[in-house]
């Protein structure tokens, strides 16, 4: 590290503590979900679902605090994202247990169908743009 960083009290350990774990998500989900927040939550839900035991039937339990820790989303951002994902048919929720806790399930088929439809739209748009460009070149 350079001496300027050291004079500011920035140590390698401090950098490791601050930049602990990056949050990444699947960019292709943004147009499907209507925004980055819902795309981030769906990406995290998909990652969680992929790690499940097959006997879970796709259902997983995650507290509001766990969502915040894993995604950085606030309670209000989570609620907005959950609503968008439910309305789009990408996420199911159920309350179960005593006390009742919120369980989630990714609707994989619906997500896959939406991704395929988006790919078709993107291909059609690209073909249209190429054809339009060819017309201008002629």
N, C-alpha and C. Protein backbone atom coordinates (compact mmCIF):
# COMPACT_ATOMS: atom_id res chain seq x y z
N UNK A 1 0.85 -1.17 0.00
CA UNK A 1 0.00 0.00 0.00
C UNK A 1 0.89 1.23 0.00
N UNK A 2 0.43 2.28 -0.65
CA UNK A 2 1.25 3.48 -0.70
C UNK A 2 1.23 4.22 0.64
N UNK A 3 2.17 5.14 0.80
CA UNK A 3 2.28 5.86 2.07
C UNK A 3 1.11 6.81 2.30
N UNK A 4 0.49 7.31 1.23
CA UNK A 4 -0.67 8.19 1.40
C UNK A 4 -1.80 7.44 2.09
N UNK A 5 -2.11 6.21 1.66
CA UNK A 5 -3.15 5.40 2.29
C UNK A 5 -2.81 5.10 3.73
N UNK A 6 -1.55 4.81 4.00
CA UNK A 6 -1.14 4.51 5.36
C UNK A 6 -1.26 5.74 6.26
N UNK A 7 -0.95 6.92 5.70
CA UNK A 7 -1.06 8.13 6.51
C UNK A 7 -2.51 8.45 6.86
N UNK A 8 -3.44 7.94 6.09
CA UNK A 8 -4.86 8.12 6.38
C UNK A 8 -5.40 7.04 7.32
N UNK A 9 -4.53 6.13 7.70
CA UNK A 9 -4.96 5.06 8.60
C UNK A 9 -5.61 3.89 7.88
N UNK A 10 -5.46 3.83 6.57
CA UNK A 10 -6.04 2.74 5.78
C UNK A 10 -5.02 1.60 5.73
N UNK A 11 -5.35 0.53 6.40
CA UNK A 11 -4.47 -0.64 6.42
C UNK A 11 -5.05 -1.72 5.53
N UNK A 12 -4.24 -2.68 5.13
CA UNK A 12 -4.77 -3.80 4.35
C UNK A 12 -5.94 -4.51 5.07
N UNK A 13 -5.85 -4.65 6.38
CA UNK A 13 -6.92 -5.31 7.14
C UNK A 13 -8.21 -4.49 7.09
N UNK A 14 -8.08 -3.16 7.19
CA UNK A 14 -9.26 -2.30 7.12
C UNK A 14 -9.94 -2.46 5.76
N UNK A 15 -9.16 -2.50 4.70
CA UNK A 15 -9.74 -2.68 3.36
C UNK A 15 -10.46 -4.02 3.26
N UNK A 16 -9.86 -5.07 3.81
CA UNK A 16 -10.51 -6.38 3.79
C UNK A 16 -11.81 -6.36 4.59
N UNK A 17 -11.84 -5.63 5.71
CA UNK A 17 -13.05 -5.53 6.52
C UNK A 17 -14.14 -4.75 5.81
N UNK A 18 -13.76 -3.66 5.15
CA UNK A 18 -14.74 -2.81 4.47
C UNK A 18 -15.28 -3.51 3.23
N UNK A 19 -14.40 -4.10 2.45
CA UNK A 19 -14.79 -4.77 1.22
C UNK A 19 -14.93 -6.26 1.48
N UNK A 20 -15.80 -6.62 2.42
CA UNK A 20 -15.90 -8.00 2.87
C UNK A 20 -16.45 -8.95 1.81
N UNK A 21 -17.66 -8.74 1.35
CA UNK A 21 -18.26 -9.67 0.40
C UNK A 21 -19.04 -8.88 -0.64
N UNK A 22 -18.67 -8.98 -1.90
CA UNK A 22 -19.42 -8.25 -2.92
C UNK A 22 -20.82 -8.85 -3.09
N UNK A 23 -21.73 -8.01 -3.50
CA UNK A 23 -23.09 -8.45 -3.80
C UNK A 23 -23.24 -8.40 -5.31
N UNK A 24 -23.53 -9.53 -5.91
CA UNK A 24 -23.71 -9.56 -7.35
C UNK A 24 -25.08 -10.15 -7.66
N UNK A 25 -25.55 -9.87 -8.86
CA UNK A 25 -26.84 -10.40 -9.27
C UNK A 25 -26.85 -10.58 -10.78
N UNK A 26 -27.85 -11.27 -11.26
CA UNK A 26 -27.96 -11.54 -12.70
C UNK A 26 -28.62 -10.35 -13.38
N UNK A 27 -27.86 -9.63 -14.18
CA UNK A 27 -28.33 -8.42 -14.86
C UNK A 27 -29.54 -8.71 -15.75
N UNK A 28 -29.60 -9.90 -16.31
CA UNK A 28 -30.70 -10.24 -17.22
C UNK A 28 -32.06 -10.25 -16.52
N UNK A 29 -32.07 -10.26 -15.18
CA UNK A 29 -33.33 -10.26 -14.45
C UNK A 29 -33.92 -8.86 -14.28
N UNK A 30 -33.14 -7.82 -14.52
CA UNK A 30 -33.63 -6.45 -14.33
C UNK A 30 -34.84 -6.15 -15.21
N UNK A 31 -34.78 -6.40 -16.52
CA UNK A 31 -35.97 -6.10 -17.32
C UNK A 31 -37.17 -6.99 -16.98
N UNK A 32 -36.91 -8.18 -16.49
CA UNK A 32 -38.00 -9.09 -16.15
C UNK A 32 -38.73 -8.67 -14.88
N UNK A 33 -37.96 -8.15 -13.92
CA UNK A 33 -38.52 -7.83 -12.61
C UNK A 33 -38.93 -6.37 -12.47
N UNK A 34 -38.46 -5.54 -13.38
CA UNK A 34 -38.82 -4.13 -13.34
C UNK A 34 -37.84 -3.25 -12.60
N UNK A 35 -36.76 -3.83 -12.08
CA UNK A 35 -35.77 -2.99 -11.40
C UNK A 35 -34.66 -3.79 -10.76
N UNK A 36 -33.65 -3.07 -10.35
CA UNK A 36 -32.46 -3.68 -9.76
C UNK A 36 -32.78 -4.35 -8.43
N UNK A 37 -33.61 -3.72 -7.62
CA UNK A 37 -33.90 -4.26 -6.29
C UNK A 37 -34.55 -5.64 -6.37
N UNK A 38 -35.59 -5.75 -7.19
CA UNK A 38 -36.26 -7.04 -7.35
C UNK A 38 -35.34 -8.05 -8.02
N UNK A 39 -34.53 -7.61 -8.98
CA UNK A 39 -33.59 -8.51 -9.64
C UNK A 39 -32.56 -9.04 -8.65
N UNK A 40 -32.09 -8.18 -7.76
CA UNK A 40 -31.14 -8.60 -6.74
C UNK A 40 -31.77 -9.63 -5.81
N UNK A 41 -32.99 -9.38 -5.38
CA UNK A 41 -33.65 -10.31 -4.47
C UNK A 41 -33.91 -11.65 -5.17
N UNK A 42 -34.35 -11.61 -6.42
CA UNK A 42 -34.59 -12.85 -7.16
C UNK A 42 -33.29 -13.62 -7.38
N UNK A 43 -32.23 -12.93 -7.71
CA UNK A 43 -30.93 -13.59 -7.88
C UNK A 43 -30.51 -14.30 -6.61
N UNK A 44 -30.68 -13.63 -5.48
CA UNK A 44 -30.31 -14.24 -4.20
C UNK A 44 -31.20 -15.44 -3.89
N UNK A 45 -32.49 -15.31 -4.20
CA UNK A 45 -33.42 -16.42 -3.98
C UNK A 45 -33.06 -17.62 -4.85
N UNK A 46 -32.67 -17.37 -6.09
CA UNK A 46 -32.27 -18.45 -7.00
C UNK A 46 -31.03 -19.15 -6.45
N UNK A 47 -30.05 -18.37 -6.00
CA UNK A 47 -28.83 -18.96 -5.42
C UNK A 47 -29.17 -19.81 -4.20
N UNK A 48 -30.05 -19.31 -3.35
CA UNK A 48 -30.46 -20.06 -2.16
C UNK A 48 -31.16 -21.34 -2.56
N UNK A 49 -32.07 -21.26 -3.52
CA UNK A 49 -32.84 -22.42 -3.96
C UNK A 49 -31.94 -23.50 -4.56
N UNK A 50 -30.88 -23.09 -5.23
CA UNK A 50 -29.98 -24.07 -5.85
C UNK A 50 -29.22 -24.89 -4.81
N UNK A 51 -29.12 -24.39 -3.60
CA UNK A 51 -28.39 -25.09 -2.54
C UNK A 51 -29.30 -25.98 -1.70
N UNK A 52 -30.59 -26.01 -1.99
CA UNK A 52 -31.55 -26.75 -1.17
C UNK A 52 -31.46 -28.24 -1.36
N UNK A 53 -31.82 -28.95 -0.33
CA UNK A 53 -32.02 -30.39 -0.41
C UNK A 53 -33.26 -30.62 -1.28
N UNK A 54 -33.24 -31.59 -2.20
CA UNK A 54 -34.41 -31.83 -3.05
C UNK A 54 -35.70 -32.09 -2.27
N UNK A 55 -35.59 -32.60 -1.06
CA UNK A 55 -36.77 -32.88 -0.25
C UNK A 55 -37.48 -31.60 0.21
N UNK A 56 -36.82 -30.46 0.10
CA UNK A 56 -37.43 -29.19 0.53
C UNK A 56 -38.52 -28.74 -0.41
N UNK A 57 -38.57 -29.34 -1.60
CA UNK A 57 -39.60 -28.96 -2.56
C UNK A 57 -39.44 -27.53 -3.06
N UNK A 58 -38.25 -26.99 -2.95
CA UNK A 58 -37.99 -25.64 -3.43
C UNK A 58 -38.23 -24.55 -2.39
N UNK A 59 -38.81 -24.90 -1.25
CA UNK A 59 -39.12 -23.92 -0.21
C UNK A 59 -37.92 -23.67 0.69
N UNK A 60 -37.68 -22.40 1.01
CA UNK A 60 -36.61 -22.06 1.93
C UNK A 60 -37.07 -20.95 2.86
N UNK A 61 -36.44 -20.92 4.00
CA UNK A 61 -36.73 -19.95 5.05
C UNK A 61 -35.62 -18.93 5.08
N UNK A 62 -35.98 -17.66 5.10
CA UNK A 62 -34.97 -16.60 5.19
C UNK A 62 -35.62 -15.42 5.91
N UNK A 63 -34.99 -14.98 6.98
CA UNK A 63 -35.52 -13.86 7.75
C UNK A 63 -35.22 -12.54 7.05
N UNK A 64 -35.93 -11.52 7.49
CA UNK A 64 -35.69 -10.18 6.98
C UNK A 64 -34.24 -9.76 7.23
N UNK A 65 -33.72 -10.13 8.39
CA UNK A 65 -32.33 -9.80 8.72
C UNK A 65 -31.36 -10.52 7.79
N UNK A 66 -31.66 -11.78 7.47
CA UNK A 66 -30.79 -12.52 6.54
C UNK A 66 -30.80 -11.90 5.15
N UNK A 67 -31.98 -11.49 4.69
CA UNK A 67 -32.06 -10.81 3.38
C UNK A 67 -31.19 -9.55 3.41
N UNK A 68 -31.29 -8.78 4.50
CA UNK A 68 -30.51 -7.55 4.61
C UNK A 68 -29.02 -7.86 4.61
N UNK A 69 -28.62 -8.85 5.38
CA UNK A 69 -27.20 -9.22 5.46
C UNK A 69 -26.67 -9.67 4.10
N UNK A 70 -27.47 -10.44 3.37
CA UNK A 70 -27.01 -11.01 2.10
C UNK A 70 -27.10 -10.04 0.93
N UNK A 71 -28.05 -9.11 0.97
CA UNK A 71 -28.28 -8.24 -0.18
C UNK A 71 -28.07 -6.76 0.10
N UNK A 72 -28.14 -6.37 1.36
CA UNK A 72 -28.06 -4.95 1.69
C UNK A 72 -29.40 -4.24 1.58
N UNK A 73 -30.45 -4.96 1.22
CA UNK A 73 -31.77 -4.34 1.05
C UNK A 73 -32.41 -4.06 2.40
N UNK A 74 -33.02 -2.89 2.51
CA UNK A 74 -33.75 -2.54 3.72
C UNK A 74 -35.08 -3.29 3.76
N UNK A 75 -35.76 -3.21 4.90
CA UNK A 75 -37.07 -3.84 5.04
C UNK A 75 -38.02 -3.36 3.94
N UNK A 76 -38.04 -2.05 3.71
CA UNK A 76 -38.98 -1.48 2.73
C UNK A 76 -38.60 -1.91 1.31
N UNK A 77 -37.32 -1.96 1.00
CA UNK A 77 -36.88 -2.43 -0.32
C UNK A 77 -37.25 -3.89 -0.51
N UNK A 78 -37.09 -4.69 0.55
CA UNK A 78 -37.46 -6.11 0.47
C UNK A 78 -38.96 -6.26 0.20
N UNK A 79 -39.77 -5.51 0.91
CA UNK A 79 -41.21 -5.63 0.74
C UNK A 79 -41.64 -5.23 -0.66
N UNK A 80 -41.06 -4.16 -1.18
CA UNK A 80 -41.37 -3.73 -2.55
C UNK A 80 -40.92 -4.78 -3.56
N UNK A 81 -39.72 -5.31 -3.38
CA UNK A 81 -39.20 -6.33 -4.29
C UNK A 81 -40.04 -7.60 -4.22
N UNK A 82 -40.40 -8.01 -3.01
CA UNK A 82 -41.23 -9.21 -2.85
C UNK A 82 -42.56 -9.05 -3.56
N UNK A 83 -43.17 -7.88 -3.41
CA UNK A 83 -44.46 -7.63 -4.07
C UNK A 83 -44.31 -7.73 -5.60
N UNK A 84 -43.27 -7.11 -6.12
CA UNK A 84 -43.03 -7.16 -7.57
C UNK A 84 -42.80 -8.59 -8.05
N UNK A 85 -42.06 -9.37 -7.27
CA UNK A 85 -41.76 -10.75 -7.66
C UNK A 85 -43.00 -11.64 -7.56
N UNK A 86 -43.82 -11.41 -6.54
CA UNK A 86 -45.08 -12.18 -6.43
C UNK A 86 -46.00 -11.84 -7.60
N UNK A 87 -46.15 -10.55 -7.89
CA UNK A 87 -47.05 -10.11 -8.96
C UNK A 87 -46.59 -10.62 -10.32
N UNK A 88 -45.28 -10.73 -10.50
CA UNK A 88 -44.74 -11.25 -11.76
C UNK A 88 -44.83 -12.77 -11.83
N UNK A 89 -45.14 -13.41 -10.71
CA UNK A 89 -45.22 -14.86 -10.67
C UNK A 89 -43.89 -15.56 -10.51
N UNK A 90 -42.87 -14.82 -10.06
CA UNK A 90 -41.52 -15.38 -9.92
C UNK A 90 -41.21 -15.91 -8.53
N UNK A 91 -42.00 -15.50 -7.53
CA UNK A 91 -41.72 -15.90 -6.15
C UNK A 91 -43.04 -16.21 -5.44
N UNK A 92 -43.05 -17.34 -4.76
CA UNK A 92 -44.19 -17.71 -3.92
C UNK A 92 -43.78 -17.53 -2.47
N UNK A 93 -44.77 -17.21 -1.65
CA UNK A 93 -44.53 -17.06 -0.22
C UNK A 93 -45.61 -17.81 0.54
N UNK A 94 -45.23 -18.30 1.71
CA UNK A 94 -46.21 -18.90 2.62
C UNK A 94 -45.73 -18.73 4.05
N UNK A 95 -46.68 -18.61 4.93
CA UNK A 95 -46.37 -18.55 6.36
C UNK A 95 -46.64 -19.92 6.94
N UNK A 96 -45.68 -20.42 7.73
CA UNK A 96 -45.84 -21.74 8.33
C UNK A 96 -45.08 -21.78 9.65
N UNK A 97 -45.53 -22.69 10.52
CA UNK A 97 -44.86 -22.89 11.80
C UNK A 97 -45.47 -22.07 12.91
N UNK A 98 -44.99 -22.33 14.11
CA UNK A 98 -45.42 -21.60 15.30
C UNK A 98 -44.18 -21.13 16.05
N UNK A 99 -43.89 -19.89 16.13
CA UNK A 99 -44.65 -18.82 15.48
C UNK A 99 -44.48 -18.88 13.97
N UNK A 100 -45.43 -18.29 13.27
CA UNK A 100 -45.41 -18.32 11.80
C UNK A 100 -44.17 -17.60 11.28
N UNK A 101 -43.51 -18.25 10.33
CA UNK A 101 -42.34 -17.67 9.66
C UNK A 101 -42.59 -17.69 8.17
N UNK A 102 -41.95 -16.77 7.47
CA UNK A 102 -42.17 -16.62 6.04
C UNK A 102 -41.21 -17.50 5.25
N UNK A 103 -41.79 -18.37 4.42
CA UNK A 103 -41.04 -19.27 3.55
C UNK A 103 -41.18 -18.77 2.11
N UNK A 104 -40.17 -19.07 1.29
CA UNK A 104 -40.13 -18.60 -0.09
C UNK A 104 -39.89 -19.78 -1.03
N UNK A 105 -40.36 -19.59 -2.26
CA UNK A 105 -40.08 -20.58 -3.30
C UNK A 105 -39.98 -19.84 -4.63
N UNK A 106 -38.89 -20.07 -5.34
CA UNK A 106 -38.71 -19.48 -6.67
C UNK A 106 -39.55 -20.28 -7.66
N UNK A 107 -40.30 -19.59 -8.47
CA UNK A 107 -41.11 -20.22 -9.52
C UNK A 107 -40.22 -20.34 -10.76
N UNK A 108 -39.40 -21.37 -10.76
CA UNK A 108 -38.35 -21.53 -11.78
C UNK A 108 -38.89 -21.55 -13.20
N UNK A 109 -39.99 -22.24 -13.39
CA UNK A 109 -40.56 -22.33 -14.75
C UNK A 109 -40.95 -20.95 -15.27
N UNK A 110 -41.58 -20.14 -14.43
CA UNK A 110 -42.00 -18.80 -14.84
C UNK A 110 -40.80 -17.92 -15.15
N UNK A 111 -39.76 -18.03 -14.33
CA UNK A 111 -38.54 -17.25 -14.57
C UNK A 111 -37.93 -17.69 -15.90
N UNK A 112 -37.84 -18.98 -16.12
CA UNK A 112 -37.25 -19.51 -17.35
C UNK A 112 -38.05 -19.05 -18.58
N UNK A 113 -39.37 -19.13 -18.50
CA UNK A 113 -40.21 -18.70 -19.63
C UNK A 113 -40.03 -17.21 -19.92
N UNK A 114 -39.94 -16.41 -18.87
CA UNK A 114 -39.74 -14.98 -19.05
C UNK A 114 -38.37 -14.69 -19.65
N UNK A 115 -37.35 -15.44 -19.23
CA UNK A 115 -36.01 -15.27 -19.80
C UNK A 115 -35.99 -15.65 -21.28
N UNK A 116 -36.68 -16.74 -21.63
CA UNK A 116 -36.75 -17.14 -23.05
C UNK A 116 -37.46 -16.07 -23.87
N UNK A 117 -38.57 -15.56 -23.36
CA UNK A 117 -39.31 -14.51 -24.08
C UNK A 117 -38.44 -13.26 -24.25
N UNK A 118 -37.69 -12.90 -23.22
CA UNK A 118 -36.79 -11.76 -23.31
C UNK A 118 -35.71 -12.00 -24.36
N UNK A 119 -35.18 -13.21 -24.42
CA UNK A 119 -34.16 -13.54 -25.41
C UNK A 119 -34.72 -13.42 -26.83
N UNK A 120 -35.95 -13.87 -27.03
CA UNK A 120 -36.58 -13.76 -28.35
C UNK A 120 -36.76 -12.29 -28.73
N UNK A 121 -37.23 -11.47 -27.77
CA UNK A 121 -37.40 -10.03 -28.03
C UNK A 121 -36.06 -9.39 -28.36
N UNK A 122 -35.02 -9.75 -27.61
CA UNK A 122 -33.68 -9.18 -27.86
C UNK A 122 -33.17 -9.58 -29.24
N UNK A 123 -33.39 -10.84 -29.63
CA UNK A 123 -32.94 -11.30 -30.95
C UNK A 123 -33.69 -10.57 -32.05
N UNK A 124 -34.99 -10.39 -31.88
CA UNK A 124 -35.79 -9.68 -32.89
C UNK A 124 -35.34 -8.23 -33.00
N UNK A 125 -35.07 -7.60 -31.87
CA UNK A 125 -34.60 -6.21 -31.87
C UNK A 125 -33.25 -6.10 -32.55
N UNK A 126 -32.34 -7.03 -32.27
CA UNK A 126 -31.02 -7.01 -32.90
C UNK A 126 -31.14 -7.20 -34.41
N UNK A 127 -32.00 -8.13 -34.84
CA UNK A 127 -32.19 -8.36 -36.27
C UNK A 127 -32.76 -7.12 -36.94
N UNK A 128 -33.70 -6.48 -36.26
CA UNK A 128 -34.31 -5.26 -36.80
C UNK A 128 -33.28 -4.15 -36.92
N UNK A 129 -32.43 -4.01 -35.92
CA UNK A 129 -31.39 -2.97 -35.94
C UNK A 129 -30.36 -3.26 -37.03
N UNK A 130 -30.02 -4.54 -37.23
CA UNK A 130 -29.08 -4.90 -38.30
C UNK A 130 -29.68 -4.59 -39.66
N UNK A 131 -30.96 -4.93 -39.83
CA UNK A 131 -31.64 -4.67 -41.11
C UNK A 131 -31.72 -3.16 -41.35
N UNK A 132 -32.00 -2.42 -40.32
CA UNK A 132 -32.09 -0.95 -40.43
C UNK A 132 -30.74 -0.38 -40.80
N UNK A 133 -29.69 -0.92 -40.20
CA UNK A 133 -28.34 -0.46 -40.52
C UNK A 133 -27.95 -0.80 -41.94
N UNK A 134 -28.38 -1.96 -42.44
CA UNK A 134 -28.09 -2.38 -43.81
C UNK A 134 -28.80 -1.47 -44.79
N UNK A 135 -30.02 -1.02 -44.45
CA UNK A 135 -30.76 -0.11 -45.33
C UNK A 135 -30.04 1.22 -45.45
N UNK A 136 -29.43 1.68 -44.37
CA UNK A 136 -28.72 2.97 -44.41
C UNK A 136 -27.42 2.85 -45.17
N UNK A 137 -26.82 1.67 -45.18
CA UNK A 137 -25.54 1.48 -45.88
C UNK A 137 -25.74 1.41 -47.38
N UNK A 138 -26.94 1.02 -47.82
CA UNK A 138 -27.18 0.79 -49.25
C UNK A 138 -27.33 2.09 -50.01
